[in-house]
Protein backbone atom coordinates (compact mmCIF):
# COMPACT_ATOMS: atom_id res chain seq x y z
CA MET A 1 50.81 3.99 -14.99
CA THR A 2 50.45 4.85 -11.43
CA LYS A 3 47.44 5.86 -11.00
CA LYS A 4 46.03 3.04 -13.47
CA PHE A 5 47.69 0.42 -10.80
CA LEU A 6 46.23 1.98 -7.44
CA LEU A 7 43.41 2.32 -9.25
CA LEU A 8 43.29 -1.37 -9.99
CA CYS A 9 44.75 -2.22 -5.83
CA SER A 10 41.64 0.08 -4.39
CA LEU A 11 39.11 -2.15 -6.81
CA LEU A 12 41.02 -5.43 -5.09
CA THR A 13 40.36 -4.07 -1.78
CA LEU A 14 36.60 -3.78 -2.31
CA CYS A 15 36.57 -7.08 -3.62
CA PHE A 16 37.81 -8.37 -1.33
CA SER A 17 36.91 -6.80 2.00
CA SER A 18 32.67 -7.25 0.27
CA ARG A 19 33.57 -11.00 -0.40
CA ALA A 20 34.96 -11.19 3.65
CA GLN A 21 31.94 -9.53 4.41
CA LYS A 22 29.26 -12.07 3.17
CA GLU A 23 31.81 -15.60 4.60
CA TRP A 24 30.41 -17.62 7.33
CA THR A 25 32.85 -19.06 9.18
CA LEU A 26 31.68 -21.60 11.43
CA LYS A 27 31.64 -21.34 15.28
CA LEU A 28 29.60 -24.65 16.77
CA ASN A 29 28.60 -27.91 15.36
CA LYS A 30 26.65 -29.02 18.16
CA ASP A 31 23.98 -31.67 18.24
CA ASN A 32 23.35 -31.59 14.26
CA VAL A 33 23.15 -28.07 14.78
CA PHE A 34 25.03 -25.71 12.97
CA VAL A 35 26.15 -21.79 13.87
CA TYR A 36 27.94 -19.66 12.11
CA THR A 37 29.57 -15.62 12.36
CA LYS A 38 30.61 -13.02 10.46
CA ASN A 39 30.94 -9.97 11.05
CA GLN A 40 28.72 -6.45 10.51
CA LEU A 41 28.96 -3.32 8.52
CA HIS A 42 27.28 -1.18 11.53
CA SER A 43 28.05 -3.63 14.64
CA ASN A 44 30.22 -5.10 17.05
CA LEU A 45 28.36 -7.15 17.25
CA LYS A 46 28.82 -10.42 14.39
CA ALA A 47 26.38 -11.45 12.48
CA ILE A 48 24.80 -15.02 13.03
CA LYS A 49 23.48 -18.13 11.32
CA VAL A 50 21.76 -21.19 12.60
CA GLU A 51 21.18 -24.47 10.57
CA CYS A 52 19.56 -27.02 11.17
CA THR A 53 17.02 -29.52 10.15
CA LEU A 54 13.91 -30.79 12.80
CA ASN A 55 11.22 -33.55 12.13
CA THR A 56 8.89 -31.81 12.17
CA THR A 57 6.04 -29.93 8.99
CA LEU A 58 6.71 -26.55 7.62
CA THR A 59 2.93 -25.52 9.87
CA ARG A 60 3.64 -26.80 12.76
CA LEU A 61 7.42 -25.10 12.90
CA VAL A 62 5.58 -22.00 11.66
CA ALA A 63 2.98 -21.71 14.36
CA VAL A 64 5.48 -22.50 16.95
CA ILE A 65 7.64 -19.52 15.09
CA LEU A 66 4.14 -17.77 15.39
CA ASP A 67 2.91 -18.21 18.58
CA VAL A 68 5.19 -15.53 19.88
CA ASN A 69 3.57 -15.73 23.84
CA SER A 70 5.30 -18.58 24.07
CA GLY A 71 8.40 -17.75 23.33
CA ALA A 72 10.01 -16.53 26.97
CA GLU A 73 9.72 -21.03 26.98
CA TRP A 74 12.32 -21.98 24.14
CA VAL A 75 14.40 -18.32 23.04
CA TYR A 76 17.57 -18.54 24.94
CA SER A 77 17.89 -15.35 28.06
CA THR A 78 13.93 -14.47 26.81
CA LYS A 79 11.95 -12.77 29.85
CA SER A 80 9.41 -12.33 28.08
CA SER A 81 7.70 -12.23 25.24
CA VAL A 82 3.94 -11.30 24.43
CA LEU A 83 1.93 -10.52 20.59
CA LEU A 84 0.78 -6.22 20.64
CA LYS A 85 -0.84 -6.38 17.17
CA GLN A 86 -2.04 -9.43 15.08
CA VAL A 87 -2.33 -7.87 11.81
CA SER A 88 -3.46 -11.02 9.13
CA PRO A 89 -3.05 -15.26 10.75
CA GLY A 90 0.49 -14.35 9.22
CA ASP A 91 1.83 -10.60 10.01
CA LEU A 92 1.96 -10.20 13.53
CA TYR A 93 4.65 -7.43 15.92
CA TYR A 94 5.14 -8.68 19.52
CA TYR A 95 7.20 -7.26 22.99
CA SER A 96 10.13 -9.24 24.01
CA GLU A 97 12.83 -8.39 27.10
CA LEU A 98 15.63 -10.42 27.46
CA SER A 99 17.68 -10.80 30.40
CA LEU A 100 20.77 -9.91 30.52
CA PRO A 101 23.45 -10.86 33.78
CA TRP A 102 23.85 -7.92 35.97
CA PRO A 103 24.95 -5.14 36.35
CA VAL A 104 24.63 -5.27 32.45
CA SER A 105 20.73 -3.57 31.95
CA ASN A 106 18.48 -5.92 30.23
CA ARG A 107 17.56 -5.35 26.25
CA ASP A 108 13.76 -5.59 24.64
CA PHE A 109 12.52 -5.04 21.35
CA ILE A 110 9.86 -4.45 18.89
CA ALA A 111 9.55 -6.73 16.60
CA HIS A 112 7.14 -7.20 13.15
CA LEU A 113 7.03 -11.05 11.75
CA MET A 114 5.59 -11.15 7.93
CA VAL A 115 5.33 -14.63 6.84
CA THR A 116 5.46 -15.29 3.07
CA GLN A 117 5.22 -19.07 1.19
CA ASP A 118 6.50 -19.45 -2.22
CA PRO A 119 4.30 -21.09 -4.29
CA VAL A 120 6.15 -23.75 -6.17
CA THR A 121 9.02 -24.63 -3.71
CA LYS A 122 7.00 -23.92 -0.82
CA ILE A 123 10.13 -23.02 0.64
CA VAL A 124 8.72 -20.68 3.26
CA THR A 125 10.13 -16.89 5.06
CA ILE A 126 9.59 -14.92 8.36
CA ASN A 127 11.07 -11.12 7.72
CA GLY A 128 10.90 -9.91 12.00
CA PRO A 129 12.72 -6.16 11.36
CA THR A 130 12.43 -4.63 14.41
CA VAL A 131 10.22 -1.71 15.21
CA PRO A 132 11.74 0.60 18.21
CA ASP A 133 10.21 2.97 18.13
CA TYR A 134 6.43 0.93 18.01
CA LEU A 135 6.40 1.63 22.01
CA PRO A 136 7.76 3.85 24.48
CA ALA A 137 11.12 3.42 25.15
CA LYS A 138 11.27 1.11 29.09
CA LYS A 139 12.63 2.92 32.47
CA ASP A 140 16.33 0.99 32.65
CA ILE A 141 15.61 -1.37 29.89
CA ILE A 142 18.26 -0.52 26.56
CA ARG A 143 16.00 -0.55 23.40
CA VAL A 144 17.06 -2.49 20.62
CA LYS A 145 16.72 0.19 17.68
CA ASN A 146 18.98 -2.16 15.23
CA SER A 147 18.06 -5.63 14.36
CA SER A 148 16.33 -7.82 12.05
CA GLY A 149 15.65 -11.49 11.94
CA GLN A 150 15.75 -14.49 8.62
CA TRP A 151 13.41 -17.25 8.97
CA ILE A 152 14.37 -19.94 6.11
CA LEU A 153 11.50 -23.08 6.05
CA LYS A 154 13.13 -25.38 3.01
CA PRO A 155 10.85 -29.32 3.06
CA LEU A 156 12.31 -32.49 2.89
CA GLN A 157 11.77 -35.07 2.48
CA LYS A 158 8.23 -36.18 4.58
CA ASN A 159 7.93 -34.69 7.98
CA GLN A 160 11.35 -33.14 7.56
CA VAL A 161 11.85 -28.75 7.68
CA LYS A 162 15.56 -27.72 7.04
CA ILE A 163 16.36 -24.26 8.92
CA GLU A 164 18.44 -21.70 8.11
CA TYR A 165 17.89 -18.04 10.10
CA VAL A 166 20.30 -15.34 10.61
CA LEU A 167 19.90 -12.41 12.72
CA GLU A 168 21.81 -8.95 12.26
CA THR A 169 21.80 -6.38 15.15
CA ASP A 170 23.07 -3.97 17.29
CA PRO A 171 22.25 -4.28 20.68
CA GLY A 172 22.93 -0.77 22.27
CA GLY A 173 24.99 0.04 24.55
CA SER A 174 28.73 -1.13 26.20
CA LEU A 175 28.45 -5.09 26.20
CA PRO A 176 31.53 -7.50 27.75
CA ALA A 177 32.88 -9.81 25.29
CA TRP A 178 32.32 -12.27 27.32
CA LEU A 179 28.65 -11.54 26.87
CA VAL A 180 28.64 -11.44 22.99
CA ASN A 181 30.64 -14.28 22.61
CA LEU A 182 28.26 -15.81 24.98
CA PHE A 183 25.49 -15.33 22.62
CA VAL A 184 27.41 -15.90 19.77
CA THR A 185 27.77 -19.14 20.54
CA LYS A 186 25.80 -20.30 22.85
CA GLY A 187 22.63 -18.74 22.90
CA PRO A 188 22.18 -19.85 19.27
CA PHE A 189 22.41 -23.53 20.14
CA GLU A 190 20.83 -23.66 23.42
CA THR A 191 17.05 -21.68 21.11
CA PHE A 192 17.65 -24.20 18.86
CA LYS A 193 17.64 -27.25 20.53
CA LYS A 194 15.04 -26.65 23.02
CA LEU A 195 12.52 -25.47 19.79
CA LYS A 196 13.96 -29.26 19.27
CA GLY A 197 11.15 -30.70 21.78
CA HIS A 198 9.10 -27.26 21.79
CA VAL A 199 7.36 -28.20 17.97
CA ASN A 200 6.70 -31.08 19.17
CA LYS A 201 4.52 -30.40 21.88
CA PRO A 202 1.14 -31.32 21.91
CA ALA A 203 -0.42 -28.18 21.18
CA TYR A 204 1.31 -28.26 17.72
CA THR A 205 0.33 -31.46 17.37
CA ASN A 206 -3.59 -30.92 15.31
CA VAL A 207 -2.44 -27.23 14.34
CA LYS A 208 -3.21 -26.11 10.51
CA LEU A 209 -2.27 -22.53 9.05
CA GLY A 210 -4.88 -21.85 5.70
CA PHE A 211 -2.04 -19.95 4.29
CA ILE A 212 1.37 -22.78 4.50
CA MET A 213 0.75 -25.57 1.45
CA ASN A 214 3.20 -28.68 3.66
């Protein structure tokens, strides 16, 4: 009886632990931008999920995300963002450096963006795992080795797209709690606030992507 009871307790603990890891907590609701967090298994930094709806088209939004050279114009704390390799129109590698307040060292990463679209629902998924060894590490900059971002873009009514963005990352090194909190709430909000304006720039007004259906 005792062994069965202990086994049951262990299973229940694993069940509730697994459920807790999957639950998101709303941290910020401002200007129709919703920022959620949850604990990560292998990092002290919380995973982030952002949800918002933009008045734009799938094509225009995908074009902005793939225009990595303009990342510093709208992605929070980005010092530089440079295209490294264009494998295909919806597949590329890029390098980015994040500027952090002194005395914390800047971070950099290499990401591989891959775009797919469901032909029935037209939902677009963009995966962006890091590829840390694509380029040699730079002096005085900490390379982010474990990180994965994902965009899910759902077309709604005409010229409206619902965005769900999830980021799970380990920035490496030690970061003060105040800086971690800054990137958990303010960073995502400022990024998507700027994205709302950036997506309406003239450069993207008449953009066409042969691999994206609106």
